[in-house]
């Protein structure tokens, strides 16, 4: 998504029912941003998930391995990556894309986070 004419990455966690767990808007898509998001998402859930499905970004995979390695039961969580397993997340992004498309981007990061939280 574009905020003030710059690309901003949306990290979004969804549970198996399709409900949003947490989201994070970040200027970069690197290991540090992915680590921050995963820490925040796991903390809001209160427990580690059985499986984590990620896209093909290697920074996300590395961050997931590091974050799960810090927990004593982190080895029980499976990290998976597949084009078809990611459909639940992509369907969740559809509502955001439909809402933000006609708006031609947003002006402030705060208004973007409020809009996404409402969706």
PDB file of N, CA and C in Angstrom:
ATOM      1  N   UNK A   1       0.835  -1.167   0.000  1.00  0.00           N
ATOM      2  CA  UNK A   1       0.000   0.000   0.000  1.00  0.00           C
ATOM      3  C   UNK A   1       0.883   1.234   0.000  1.00  0.00           C
ATOM      4  N   UNK A   2       0.329   2.319  -0.461  1.00  0.00           N
ATOM      5  CA  UNK A   2       1.097   3.560  -0.534  1.00  0.00           C
ATOM      6  C   UNK A   2       0.576   4.544   0.511  1.00  0.00           C
ATOM      7  N   UNK A   3       1.522   5.104   1.263  1.00  0.00           N
ATOM      8  CA  UNK A   3       1.201   6.144   2.241  1.00  0.00           C
ATOM      9  C   UNK A   3       2.127   7.313   1.955  1.00  0.00           C
ATOM     10  N   UNK A   4       1.545   8.461   1.671  1.00  0.00           N
ATOM     11  CA  UNK A   4       2.292   9.662   1.298  1.00  0.00           C
ATOM     12  C   UNK A   4       3.191   9.418   0.089  1.00  0.00           C
ATOM     13  N   UNK A   5       2.736   8.598  -0.827  1.00  0.00           N
ATOM     14  CA  UNK A   5       3.487   8.325  -2.036  1.00  0.00           C
ATOM     15  C   UNK A   5       4.597   7.304  -1.891  1.00  0.00           C
ATOM     16  N   UNK A   6       4.795   6.738  -0.707  1.00  0.00           N
ATOM     17  CA  UNK A   6       5.837   5.740  -0.475  1.00  0.00           C
ATOM     18  C   UNK A   6       5.201   4.392  -0.187  1.00  0.00           C
ATOM     19  N   UNK A   7       5.877   3.339  -0.627  1.00  0.00           N
ATOM     20  CA  UNK A   7       5.375   1.992  -0.357  1.00  0.00           C
ATOM     21  C   UNK A   7       5.559   1.649   1.112  1.00  0.00           C
ATOM     22  N   UNK A   8       4.529   1.107   1.697  1.00  0.00           N
ATOM     23  CA  UNK A   8       4.545   0.646   3.079  1.00  0.00           C
ATOM     24  C   UNK A   8       4.038  -0.788   3.089  1.00  0.00           C
ATOM     25  N   UNK A   9       4.727  -1.633   3.829  1.00  0.00           N
ATOM     26  CA  UNK A   9       4.380  -3.054   3.859  1.00  0.00           C
ATOM     27  C   UNK A   9       3.422  -3.341   4.998  1.00  0.00           C
ATOM     28  N   UNK A  10       2.454  -4.171   4.712  1.00  0.00           N
ATOM     29  CA  UNK A  10       1.450  -4.558   5.699  1.00  0.00           C
ATOM     30  C   UNK A  10       1.719  -5.994   6.127  1.00  0.00           C
ATOM     31  N   UNK A  11       2.096  -6.156   7.379  1.00  0.00           N
ATOM     32  CA  UNK A  11       2.206  -7.490   7.972  1.00  0.00           C
ATOM     33  C   UNK A  11       0.880  -7.756   8.659  1.00  0.00           C
ATOM     34  N   UNK A  12       0.294  -8.931   8.427  1.00  0.00           N
ATOM     35  CA  UNK A  12      -1.018  -9.231   8.977  1.00  0.00           C
ATOM     36  C   UNK A  12      -1.054 -10.688   9.416  1.00  0.00           C
ATOM     37  N   UNK A  13      -1.517 -10.926  10.622  1.00  0.00           N
ATOM     38  CA  UNK A  13      -1.658 -12.285  11.148  1.00  0.00           C
ATOM     39  C   UNK A  13      -3.142 -12.617  11.228  1.00  0.00           C
ATOM     40  N   UNK A  14      -3.471 -13.807  10.727  1.00  0.00           N
ATOM     41  CA  UNK A  14      -4.856 -14.264  10.685  1.00  0.00           C
ATOM     42  C   UNK A  14      -4.915 -15.648  11.311  1.00  0.00           C
ATOM     43  N   UNK A  15      -5.935 -15.910  12.148  1.00  0.00           N
ATOM     44  CA  UNK A  15      -6.071 -17.255  12.721  1.00  0.00           C
ATOM     45  C   UNK A  15      -6.766 -18.178  11.722  1.00  0.00           C
ATOM     46  N   UNK A  16      -6.972 -19.427  12.096  1.00  0.00           N
ATOM     47  CA  UNK A  16      -7.496 -20.395  11.137  1.00  0.00           C
ATOM     48  C   UNK A  16      -8.959 -20.151  10.774  1.00  0.00           C
ATOM     49  N   UNK A  17      -9.669 -19.353  11.558  1.00  0.00           N
ATOM     50  CA  UNK A  17     -11.042 -18.992  11.213  1.00  0.00           C
ATOM     51  C   UNK A  17     -11.103 -17.773  10.302  1.00  0.00           C
ATOM     52  N   UNK A  18      -9.975 -17.132  10.055  1.00  0.00           N
ATOM     53  CA  UNK A  18      -9.934 -15.957   9.191  1.00  0.00           C
ATOM     54  C   UNK A  18     -10.047 -14.642   9.937  1.00  0.00           C
ATOM     55  N   UNK A  19     -10.049 -14.677  11.252  1.00  0.00           N
ATOM     56  CA  UNK A  19     -10.118 -13.465  12.058  1.00  0.00           C
ATOM     57  C   UNK A  19      -8.721 -12.849  12.201  1.00  0.00           C
ATOM     58  N   UNK A  20      -8.643 -11.533  12.144  1.00  0.00           N
ATOM     59  CA  UNK A  20      -7.362 -10.846  12.252  1.00  0.00           C
ATOM     60  C   UNK A  20      -6.857 -10.901  13.683  1.00  0.00           C
ATOM     61  N   UNK A  21      -5.620 -11.353  13.846  1.00  0.00           N
ATOM     62  CA  UNK A  21      -4.981 -11.401  15.158  1.00  0.00           C
ATOM     63  C   UNK A  21      -4.266 -10.082  15.418  1.00  0.00           C
ATOM     64  N   UNK A  22      -3.452  -9.648  14.465  1.00  0.00           N
ATOM     65  CA  UNK A  22      -2.680  -8.423  14.615  1.00  0.00           C
ATOM     66  C   UNK A  22      -2.199  -7.974  13.240  1.00  0.00           C
ATOM     67  N   UNK A  23      -1.832  -6.688  13.125  1.00  0.00           N
ATOM     68  CA  UNK A  23      -1.247  -6.186  11.897  1.00  0.00           C
ATOM     69  C   UNK A  23      -0.210  -5.124  12.239  1.00  0.00           C
ATOM     70  N   UNK A  24       0.699  -4.892  11.301  1.00  0.00           N
ATOM     71  CA  UNK A  24       1.767  -3.908  11.486  1.00  0.00           C
ATOM     72  C   UNK A  24       2.080  -3.285  10.142  1.00  0.00           C
ATOM     73  N   UNK A  25       2.114  -1.957  10.096  1.00  0.00           N
ATOM     74  CA  UNK A  25       2.553  -1.236   8.910  1.00  0.00           C
ATOM     75  C   UNK A  25       4.004  -0.842   9.117  1.00  0.00           C
ATOM     76  N   UNK A  26       4.847  -1.138   8.127  1.00  0.00           N
ATOM     77  CA  UNK A  26       6.278  -0.895   8.282  1.00  0.00           C
ATOM     78  C   UNK A  26       6.861  -0.420   6.954  1.00  0.00           C
ATOM     79  N   UNK A  27       7.858   0.459   7.028  1.00  0.00           N
ATOM     80  CA  UNK A  27       8.479   1.002   5.817  1.00  0.00           C
ATOM     81  C   UNK A  27       9.382  -0.014   5.131  1.00  0.00           C
ATOM     82  N   UNK A  28       9.945  -0.944   5.878  1.00  0.00           N
ATOM     83  CA  UNK A  28      10.868  -1.919   5.312  1.00  0.00           C
ATOM     84  C   UNK A  28      10.326  -3.332   5.501  1.00  0.00           C
ATOM     85  N   UNK A  29      10.764  -4.213   4.617  1.00  0.00           N
ATOM     86  CA  UNK A  29      10.394  -5.619   4.728  1.00  0.00           C
ATOM     87  C   UNK A  29      11.676  -6.408   4.968  1.00  0.00           C
ATOM     88  N   UNK A  30      12.147  -6.349   6.206  1.00  0.00           N
ATOM     89  CA  UNK A  30      13.397  -7.015   6.548  1.00  0.00           C
ATOM     90  C   UNK A  30      13.195  -7.887   7.786  1.00  0.00           C
ATOM     91  N   UNK A  31      14.294  -8.485   8.253  1.00  0.00           N
ATOM     92  CA  UNK A  31      14.220  -9.409   9.381  1.00  0.00           C
ATOM     93  C   UNK A  31      13.764  -8.690  10.653  1.00  0.00           C
ATOM     94  N   UNK A  32      14.257  -7.474  10.877  1.00  0.00           N
ATOM     95  CA  UNK A  32      13.896  -6.732  12.096  1.00  0.00           C
ATOM     96  C   UNK A  32      12.399  -6.435  12.141  1.00  0.00           C
ATOM     97  N   UNK A  33      11.834  -6.026  11.014  1.00  0.00           N
ATOM     98  CA  UNK A  33      10.400  -5.735  10.974  1.00  0.00           C
ATOM     99  C   UNK A  33       9.576  -7.004  11.182  1.00  0.00           C
ATOM    100  N   UNK A  34      10.001  -8.092  10.560  1.00  0.00           N
ATOM    101  CA  UNK A  34       9.275  -9.358  10.717  1.00  0.00           C
ATOM    102  C   UNK A  34       9.365  -9.867  12.152  1.00  0.00           C
ATOM    103  N   UNK A  35      10.538  -9.727  12.781  1.00  0.00           N
ATOM    104  CA  UNK A  35      10.697 -10.133  14.188  1.00  0.00           C
ATOM    105  C   UNK A  35       9.775  -9.331  15.091  1.00  0.00           C
ATOM    106  N   UNK A  36       9.740  -8.021  14.891  1.00  0.00           N
ATOM    107  CA  UNK A  36       8.884  -7.160  15.708  1.00  0.00           C
ATOM    108  C   UNK A  36       7.418  -7.563  15.562  1.00  0.00           C
ATOM    109  N   UNK A  37       7.019  -7.842  14.338  1.00  0.00           N
ATOM    110  CA  UNK A  37       5.630  -8.233  14.121  1.00  0.00           C
ATOM    111  C   UNK A  37       5.306  -9.579  14.760  1.00  0.00           C
ATOM    112  N   UNK A  38       6.191 -10.553  14.595  1.00  0.00           N
ATOM    113  CA  UNK A  38       5.929 -11.878  15.169  1.00  0.00           C
ATOM    114  C   UNK A  38       5.906 -11.842  16.695  1.00  0.00           C
ATOM    115  N   UNK A  39       6.807 -11.067  17.298  1.00  0.00           N
ATOM    116  CA  UNK A  39       6.776 -10.918  18.766  1.00  0.00           C
ATOM    117  C   UNK A  39       5.425 -10.360  19.207  1.00  0.00           C
ATOM    118  N   UNK A  40       4.989  -9.325  18.506  1.00  0.00           N
ATOM    119  CA  UNK A  40       3.735  -8.671  18.861  1.00  0.00           C
ATOM    120  C   UNK A  40       2.532  -9.599  18.656  1.00  0.00           C
ATOM    121  N   UNK A  41       2.528 -10.345  17.552  1.00  0.00           N
ATOM    122  CA  UNK A  41       1.406 -11.241  17.257  1.00  0.00           C
ATOM    123  C   UNK A  41       1.342 -12.400  18.254  1.00  0.00           C
ATOM    124  N   UNK A  42       2.495 -12.992  18.588  1.00  0.00           N
ATOM    125  CA  UNK A  42       2.507 -14.101  19.549  1.00  0.00           C
ATOM    126  C   UNK A  42       2.114 -13.611  20.934  1.00  0.00           C
ATOM    127  N   UNK A  43       2.540 -12.401  21.279  1.00  0.00           N
ATOM    128  CA  UNK A  43       2.206 -11.851  22.602  1.00  0.00           C
ATOM    129  C   UNK A  43       0.701 -11.578  22.709  1.00  0.00           C
ATOM    130  N   UNK A  44       0.088 -11.093  21.638  1.00  0.00           N
ATOM    131  CA  UNK A  44      -1.344 -10.802  21.689  1.00  0.00           C
ATOM    132  C   UNK A  44      -2.179 -12.083  21.760  1.00  0.00           C
ATOM    133  N   UNK A  45      -1.668 -13.170  21.200  1.00  0.00           N
ATOM    134  CA  UNK A  45      -2.367 -14.451  21.266  1.00  0.00           C
ATOM    135  C   UNK A  45      -2.204 -15.108  22.628  1.00  0.00           C
ATOM    136  N   UNK A  46      -1.062 -14.892  23.257  1.00  0.00           N
ATOM    137  CA  UNK A  46      -0.825 -15.488  24.565  1.00  0.00           C
ATOM    138  C   UNK A  46      -0.185 -16.863  24.511  1.00  0.00           C
ATOM    139  N   UNK A  47      -0.099 -17.449  23.329  1.00  0.00           N
ATOM    140  CA  UNK A  47       0.518 -18.768  23.180  1.00  0.00           C
ATOM    141  C   UNK A  47       1.063 -18.883  21.767  1.00  0.00           C
ATOM    142  N   UNK A  48       1.897 -19.883  21.557  1.00  0.00           N
ATOM    143  CA  UNK A  48       2.447 -20.111  20.232  1.00  0.00           C
ATOM    144  C   UNK A  48       1.464 -20.896  19.380  1.00  0.00           C
ATOM    145  N   UNK A  49       1.398 -20.617  18.097  1.00  0.00           N
ATOM    146  CA  UNK A  49       0.501 -21.386  17.232  1.00  0.00           C
ATOM    147  C   UNK A  49       1.086 -22.750  16.893  1.00  0.00           C
ATOM    148  N   UNK A  50       0.237 -23.645  16.396  1.00  0.00           N
ATOM    149  CA  UNK A  50       0.720 -24.965  15.958  1.00  0.00           C
ATOM    150  C   UNK A  50       1.480 -24.863  14.645  1.00  0.00           C
ATOM    151  N   UNK A  51       1.040 -23.963  13.771  1.00  0.00           N
ATOM    152  CA  UNK A  51       1.685 -23.790  12.473  1.00  0.00           C
ATOM    153  C   UNK A  51       1.663 -22.314  12.086  1.00  0.00           C
ATOM    154  N   UNK A  52       2.715 -21.892  11.398  1.00  0.00           N
ATOM    155  CA  UNK A  52       2.823 -20.532  10.884  1.00  0.00           C
ATOM    156  C   UNK A  52       2.991 -20.648   9.377  1.00  0.00           C
ATOM    157  N   UNK A  53       2.088 -20.029   8.619  1.00  0.00           N
ATOM    158  CA  UNK A  53       2.173 -20.052   7.164  1.00  0.00           C
ATOM    159  C   UNK A  53       2.689 -18.702   6.699  1.00  0.00           C
ATOM    160  N   UNK A  54       3.779 -18.726   5.939  1.00  0.00           N
ATOM    161  CA  UNK A  54       4.417 -17.511   5.471  1.00  0.00           C
ATOM    162  C   UNK A  54       4.467 -17.483   3.959  1.00  0.00           C
ATOM    163  N   UNK A  55       4.675 -16.280   3.418  1.00  0.00           N
ATOM    164  CA  UNK A  55       4.885 -16.178   1.977  1.00  0.00           C
ATOM    165  C   UNK A  55       6.343 -16.513   1.665  1.00  0.00           C
ATOM    166  N   UNK A  56       6.792 -16.245   0.473  1.00  0.00           N
ATOM    167  CA  UNK A  56       8.130 -16.644   0.056  1.00  0.00           C
ATOM    168  C   UNK A  56       9.255 -15.748   0.533  1.00  0.00           C
ATOM    169  N   UNK A  57       8.976 -14.691   1.272  1.00  0.00           N
ATOM    170  CA  UNK A  57      10.011 -13.764   1.730  1.00  0.00           C
ATOM    171  C   UNK A  57      10.932 -14.459   2.737  1.00  0.00           C
ATOM    172  N   UNK A  58      12.215 -14.523   2.428  1.00  0.00           N
ATOM    173  CA  UNK A  58      13.171 -15.221   3.283  1.00  0.00           C
ATOM    174  C   UNK A  58      13.389 -14.506   4.612  1.00  0.00           C
ATOM    175  N   UNK A  59      13.202 -13.190   4.634  1.00  0.00           N
ATOM    176  CA  UNK A  59      13.350 -12.451   5.895  1.00  0.00           C
ATOM    177  C   UNK A  59      12.301 -12.905   6.907  1.00  0.00           C
ATOM    178  N   UNK A  60      11.087 -13.159   6.455  1.00  0.00           N
ATOM    179  CA  UNK A  60      10.027 -13.632   7.348  1.00  0.00           C
ATOM    180  C   UNK A  60      10.338 -15.021   7.883  1.00  0.00           C
ATOM    181  N   UNK A  61      10.867 -15.891   7.034  1.00  0.00           N
ATOM    182  CA  UNK A  61      11.224 -17.248   7.469  1.00  0.00           C
ATOM    183  C   UNK A  61      12.334 -17.211   8.516  1.00  0.00           C
ATOM    184  N   UNK A  62      13.336 -16.388   8.275  1.00  0.00           N
ATOM    185  CA  UNK A  62      14.442 -16.277   9.234  1.00  0.00           C
ATOM    186  C   UNK A  62      13.958 -15.719  10.569  1.00  0.00           C
ATOM    187  N   UNK A  63      13.121 -14.682  10.507  1.00  0.00           N
ATOM    188  CA  UNK A  63      12.600 -14.081  11.731  1.00  0.00           C
ATOM    189  C   UNK A  63      11.733 -15.076  12.504  1.00  0.00           C
ATOM    190  N   UNK A  64      10.938 -15.869  11.800  1.00  0.00           N
ATOM    191  CA  UNK A  64      10.082 -16.863  12.467  1.00  0.00           C
ATOM    192  C   UNK A  64      10.936 -17.910  13.168  1.00  0.00           C
ATOM    193  N   UNK A  65      12.005 -18.384  12.503  1.00  0.00           N
ATOM    194  CA  UNK A  65      12.896 -19.359  13.142  1.00  0.00           C
ATOM    195  C   UNK A  65      13.552 -18.769  14.387  1.00  0.00           C
ATOM    196  N   UNK A  66      13.972 -17.505  14.316  1.00  0.00           N
ATOM    197  CA  UNK A  66      14.620 -16.862  15.464  1.00  0.00           C
ATOM    198  C   UNK A  66      13.654 -16.676  16.623  1.00  0.00           C
ATOM    199  N   UNK A  67      12.454 -16.194  16.330  1.00  0.00           N
ATOM    200  CA  UNK A  67      11.466 -15.939  17.390  1.00  0.00           C
ATOM    201  C   UNK A  67      11.029 -17.248  18.032  1.00  0.00           C
ATOM    202  N   UNK A  68      10.784 -18.271  17.233  1.00  0.00           N
ATOM    203  CA  UNK A  68      10.377 -19.556  17.792  1.00  0.00           C
ATOM    204  C   UNK A  68      11.528 -20.230  18.535  1.00  0.00           C
ATOM    205  N   UNK A  69      12.761 -19.967  18.133  1.00  0.00           N
ATOM    206  CA  UNK A  69      13.920 -20.515  18.831  1.00  0.00           C
ATOM    207  C   UNK A  69      14.101 -19.949  20.230  1.00  0.00           C
ATOM    208  N   UNK A  70      13.554 -18.769  20.469  1.00  0.00           N
ATOM    209  CA  UNK A  70      13.654 -18.140  21.790  1.00  0.00           C
ATOM    210  C   UNK A  70      12.706 -18.778  22.809  1.00  0.00           C
ATOM    211  N   UNK A  71      11.645 -19.406  22.335  1.00  0.00           N
ATOM    212  CA  UNK A  71      10.674 -20.037  23.229  1.00  0.00           C
ATOM    213  C   UNK A  71      11.041 -21.495  23.453  1.00  0.00           C
ATOM    214  N   UNK A  72      10.772 -21.984  24.632  1.00  0.00           N
ATOM    215  CA  UNK A  72      11.174 -23.370  24.913  1.00  0.00           C
ATOM    216  C   UNK A  72      10.307 -24.382  24.177  1.00  0.00           C
ATOM    217  N   UNK A  73       9.086 -24.026  23.815  1.00  0.00           N
ATOM    218  CA  UNK A  73       8.227 -24.933  23.051  1.00  0.00           C
ATOM    219  C   UNK A  73       8.108 -24.503  21.593  1.00  0.00           C
ATOM    220  N   UNK A  74       9.033 -23.702  21.138  1.00  0.00           N
ATOM    221  CA  UNK A  74       9.002 -23.205  19.767  1.00  0.00           C
ATOM    222  C   UNK A  74       9.244 -24.262  18.724  1.00  0.00           C
ATOM    223  N   UNK A  75       9.920 -25.351  19.087  1.00  0.00           N
ATOM    224  CA  UNK A  75      10.197 -26.403  18.107  1.00  0.00           C
ATOM    225  C   UNK A  75       8.941 -27.168  17.705  1.00  0.00           C
ATOM    226  N   UNK A  76       7.871 -27.036  18.474  1.00  0.00           N
ATOM    227  CA  UNK A  76       6.610 -27.711  18.146  1.00  0.00           C
ATOM    228  C   UNK A  76       5.859 -27.007  17.016  1.00  0.00           C
ATOM    229  N   UNK A  77       6.135 -25.736  16.812  1.00  0.00           N
ATOM    230  CA  UNK A  77       5.447 -24.965  15.778  1.00  0.00           C
ATOM    231  C   UNK A  77       6.064 -25.237  14.420  1.00  0.00           C
ATOM    232  N   UNK A  78       5.225 -25.576  13.451  1.00  0.00           N
ATOM    233  CA  UNK A  78       5.699 -25.830  12.092  1.00  0.00           C
ATOM    234  C   UNK A  78       5.675 -24.523  11.303  1.00  0.00           C
ATOM    235  N   UNK A  79       6.734 -24.289  10.547  1.00  0.00           N
ATOM    236  CA  UNK A  79       6.794 -23.144   9.642  1.00  0.00           C
ATOM    237  C   UNK A  79       6.563 -23.686   8.243  1.00  0.00           C
ATOM    238  N   UNK A  80       5.504 -23.201   7.594  1.00  0.00           N
ATOM    239  CA  UNK A  80       5.189 -23.696   6.264  1.00  0.00           C
ATOM    240  C   UNK A  80       5.113 -22.533   5.279  1.00  0.00           C
ATOM    241  N   UNK A  81       5.351 -22.864   4.042  1.00  0.00           N
ATOM    242  CA  UNK A  81       5.286 -21.873   2.990  1.00  0.00           C
ATOM    243  C   UNK A  81       4.748 -22.541   1.742  1.00  0.00           C
ATOM    244  N   UNK A  82       3.661 -22.036   1.246  1.00  0.00           N
ATOM    245  CA  UNK A  82       3.076 -22.602   0.047  1.00  0.00           C
ATOM    246  C   UNK A  82       2.191 -21.564  -0.612  1.00  0.00           C
ATOM    247  N   UNK A  83       2.125 -21.660  -1.887  1.00  0.00           N
ATOM    248  CA  UNK A  83       1.280 -20.755  -2.654  1.00  0.00           C
ATOM    249  C   UNK A  83      -0.191 -20.933  -2.275  1.00  0.00           C
ATOM    250  N   UNK A  84      -0.611 -22.143  -2.020  1.00  0.00           N
ATOM    251  CA  UNK A  84      -2.021 -22.428  -1.767  1.00  0.00           C
ATOM    252  C   UNK A  84      -2.392 -22.319  -0.294  1.00  0.00           C
ATOM    253  N   UNK A  85      -1.439 -22.531   0.609  1.00  0.00           N
ATOM    254  CA  UNK A  85      -1.739 -22.386   2.033  1.00  0.00           C
ATOM    255  C   UNK A  85      -1.957 -20.938   2.414  1.00  0.00           C
ATOM    256  N   UNK A  86      -1.430 -20.027   1.611  1.00  0.00           N
ATOM    257  CA  UNK A  86      -1.498 -18.604   1.904  1.00  0.00           C
ATOM    258  C   UNK A  86      -2.817 -17.974   1.447  1.00  0.00           C
ATOM    259  N   UNK A  87      -3.742 -18.759   0.880  1.00  0.00           N
ATOM    260  CA  UNK A  87      -4.980 -18.212   0.343  1.00  0.00           C
ATOM    261  C   UNK A  87      -5.833 -17.522   1.398  1.00  0.00           C
ATOM    262  N   UNK A  88      -5.857 -18.024   2.616  1.00  0.00           N
ATOM    263  CA  UNK A  88      -6.657 -17.420   3.680  1.00  0.00           C
ATOM    264  C   UNK A  88      -6.201 -15.985   3.953  1.00  0.00           C
ATOM    265  N   UNK A  89      -4.906 -15.772   3.942  1.00  0.00           N
ATOM    266  CA  UNK A  89      -4.365 -14.436   4.176  1.00  0.00           C
ATOM    267  C   UNK A  89      -4.645 -13.532   2.982  1.00  0.00           C
ATOM    268  N   UNK A  90      -4.487 -14.064   1.783  1.00  0.00           N
ATOM    269  CA  UNK A  90      -4.749 -13.271   0.589  1.00  0.00           C
ATOM    270  C   UNK A  90      -6.221 -12.866   0.512  1.00  0.00           C
ATOM    271  N   UNK A  91      -7.117 -13.736   0.920  1.00  0.00           N
ATOM    272  CA  UNK A  91      -8.531 -13.389   0.937  1.00  0.00           C
ATOM    273  C   UNK A  91      -8.813 -12.311   1.975  1.00  0.00           C
ATOM    274  N   UNK A  92      -8.060 -12.318   3.053  1.00  0.00           N
ATOM    275  CA  UNK A  92      -8.213 -11.295   4.070  1.00  0.00           C
ATOM    276  C   UNK A  92      -7.731  -9.944   3.547  1.00  0.00           C
ATOM    277  N   UNK A  93      -6.711  -9.956   2.703  1.00  0.00           N
ATOM    278  CA  UNK A  93      -6.198  -8.713   2.113  1.00  0.00           C
ATOM    279  C   UNK A  93      -7.178  -8.123   1.103  1.00  0.00           C
ATOM    280  N   UNK A  94      -8.059  -8.951   0.566  1.00  0.00           N
ATOM    281  CA  UNK A  94      -8.981  -8.480  -0.464  1.00  0.00           C
ATOM    282  C   UNK A  94      -9.833  -7.318   0.023  1.00  0.00           C
ATOM    283  N   UNK A  95     -10.347  -7.404   1.240  1.00  0.00           N
ATOM    284  CA  UNK A  95     -11.194  -6.325   1.756  1.00  0.00           C
ATOM    285  C   UNK A  95     -10.414  -5.029   1.918  1.00  0.00           C
ATOM    286  N   UNK A  96      -9.154  -5.134   2.264  1.00  0.00           N
ATOM    287  CA  UNK A  96      -8.325  -3.933   2.392  1.00  0.00           C
ATOM    288  C   UNK A  96      -8.062  -3.322   1.022  1.00  0.00           C
ATOM    289  N   UNK A  97      -7.741  -4.170   0.052  1.00  0.00           N
ATOM    290  CA  UNK A  97      -7.473  -3.672  -1.302  1.00  0.00           C
ATOM    291  C   UNK A  97      -8.714  -3.011  -1.907  1.00  0.00           C
ATOM    292  N   UNK A  98      -9.888  -3.590  -1.664  1.00  0.00           N
ATOM    293  CA  UNK A  98     -11.116  -3.004  -2.181  1.00  0.00           C
ATOM    294  C   UNK A  98     -11.385  -1.638  -1.562  1.00  0.00           C
ATOM    295  N   UNK A  99     -11.065  -1.494  -0.302  1.00  0.00           N
ATOM    296  CA  UNK A  99     -11.325  -0.236   0.397  1.00  0.00           C
ATOM    297  C   UNK A  99     -10.324   0.851   0.023  1.00  0.00           C
ATOM    298  N   UNK A 100      -9.046   0.479  -0.110  1.00  0.00           N
ATOM    299  CA  UNK A 100      -7.999   1.466  -0.346  1.00  0.00           C
ATOM    300  C   UNK A 100      -7.792   1.797  -1.818  1.00  0.00           C
ATOM    301  N   UNK A 101      -8.278   0.950  -2.722  1.00  0.00           N
ATOM    302  CA  UNK A 101      -8.104   1.198  -4.149  1.00  0.00           C
ATOM    303  C   UNK A 101      -8.674   2.530  -4.608  1.00  0.00           C
ATOM    304  N   UNK A 102      -9.946   2.801  -4.356  1.00  0.00           N
ATOM    305  CA  UNK A 102     -10.526   4.081  -4.787  1.00  0.00           C
ATOM    306  C   UNK A 102      -9.934   5.292  -4.052  1.00  0.00           C
ATOM    307  N   UNK A 103      -9.328   5.064  -2.899  1.00  0.00           N
ATOM    308  CA  UNK A 103      -8.778   6.174  -2.117  1.00  0.00           C
ATOM    309  C   UNK A 103      -7.436   6.669  -2.666  1.00  0.00           C
ATOM    310  N   UNK A 104      -6.799   5.883  -3.550  1.00  0.00           N
ATOM    311  CA  UNK A 104      -5.508   6.229  -4.150  1.00  0.00           C
ATOM    312  C   UNK A 104      -4.430   6.468  -3.103  1.00  0.00           C
ATOM    313  N   UNK A 105      -4.421   5.662  -2.078  1.00  0.00           N
ATOM    314  CA  UNK A 105      -3.406   5.776  -1.031  1.00  0.00           C
ATOM    315  C   UNK A 105      -3.890   6.624   0.129  1.00  0.00           C
ATOM    316  N   UNK A 106      -3.079   6.704   1.147  1.00  0.00           N
ATOM    317  CA  UNK A 106      -3.416   7.468   2.347  1.00  0.00           C
ATOM    318  C   UNK A 106      -2.329   8.503   2.622  1.00  0.00           C
ATOM    319  N   UNK A 107      -2.650   9.493   3.411  1.00  0.00           N
ATOM    320  CA  UNK A 107      -1.709  10.580   3.669  1.00  0.00           C
ATOM    321  C   UNK A 107      -0.850  10.365   4.914  1.00  0.00           C
ATOM    322  N   UNK A 108      -1.399   9.683   5.924  1.00  0.00           N
ATOM    323  CA  UNK A 108      -0.650   9.498   7.171  1.00  0.00           C
ATOM    324  C   UNK A 108      -0.680   8.054   7.624  1.00  0.00           C
ATOM    325  N   UNK A 109       0.378   7.651   8.304  1.00  0.00           N
ATOM    326  CA  UNK A 109       0.475   6.293   8.825  1.00  0.00           C
ATOM    327  C   UNK A 109      -0.604   6.043   9.868  1.00  0.00           C
ATOM    328  N   UNK A 110      -0.903   7.044  10.679  1.00  0.00           N
ATOM    329  CA  UNK A 110      -1.935   6.890  11.705  1.00  0.00           C
ATOM    330  C   UNK A 110      -3.306   6.642  11.092  1.00  0.00           C
ATOM    331  N   UNK A 111      -3.659   7.402  10.051  1.00  0.00           N
ATOM    332  CA  UNK A 111      -4.958   7.188   9.411  1.00  0.00           C
ATOM    333  C   UNK A 111      -5.015   5.839   8.709  1.00  0.00           C
ATOM    334  N   UNK A 112      -3.882   5.367   8.199  1.00  0.00           N
ATOM    335  CA  UNK A 112      -3.844   4.044   7.568  1.00  0.00           C
ATOM    336  C   UNK A 112      -4.086   2.956   8.598  1.00  0.00           C
ATOM    337  N   UNK A 113      -3.447   3.066   9.760  1.00  0.00           N
ATOM    338  CA  UNK A 113      -3.632   2.035  10.782  1.00  0.00           C
ATOM    339  C   UNK A 113      -5.050   2.045  11.332  1.00  0.00           C
ATOM    340  N   UNK A 114      -5.662   3.208  11.447  1.00  0.00           N
ATOM    341  CA  UNK A 114      -7.046   3.294  11.915  1.00  0.00           C
ATOM    342  C   UNK A 114      -7.989   2.672  10.889  1.00  0.00           C
ATOM    343  N   UNK A 115      -7.749   2.955   9.606  1.00  0.00           N
ATOM    344  CA  UNK A 115      -8.580   2.395   8.547  1.00  0.00           C
ATOM    345  C   UNK A 115      -8.481   0.884   8.503  1.00  0.00           C
ATOM    346  N   UNK A 116      -7.268   0.366   8.584  1.00  0.00           N
ATOM    347  CA  UNK A 116      -7.076  -1.090   8.537  1.00  0.00           C
ATOM    348  C   UNK A 116      -7.657  -1.764   9.772  1.00  0.00           C
ATOM    349  N   UNK A 117      -7.540  -1.123  10.924  1.00  0.00           N
ATOM    350  CA  UNK A 117      -8.123  -1.700  12.142  1.00  0.00           C
ATOM    351  C   UNK A 117      -9.639  -1.782  12.020  1.00  0.00           C
ATOM    352  N   UNK A 118     -10.245  -0.835  11.332  1.00  0.00           N
ATOM    353  CA  UNK A 118     -11.695  -0.845  11.135  1.00  0.00           C
ATOM    354  C   UNK A 118     -12.159  -1.921  10.178  1.00  0.00           C
ATOM    355  N   UNK A 119     -11.296  -2.264   9.238  1.00  0.00           N
ATOM    356  CA  UNK A 119     -11.649  -3.306   8.264  1.00  0.00           C
ATOM    357  C   UNK A 119     -11.522  -4.648   8.911  1.00  0.00           C
TER     358      UNK A 119
END
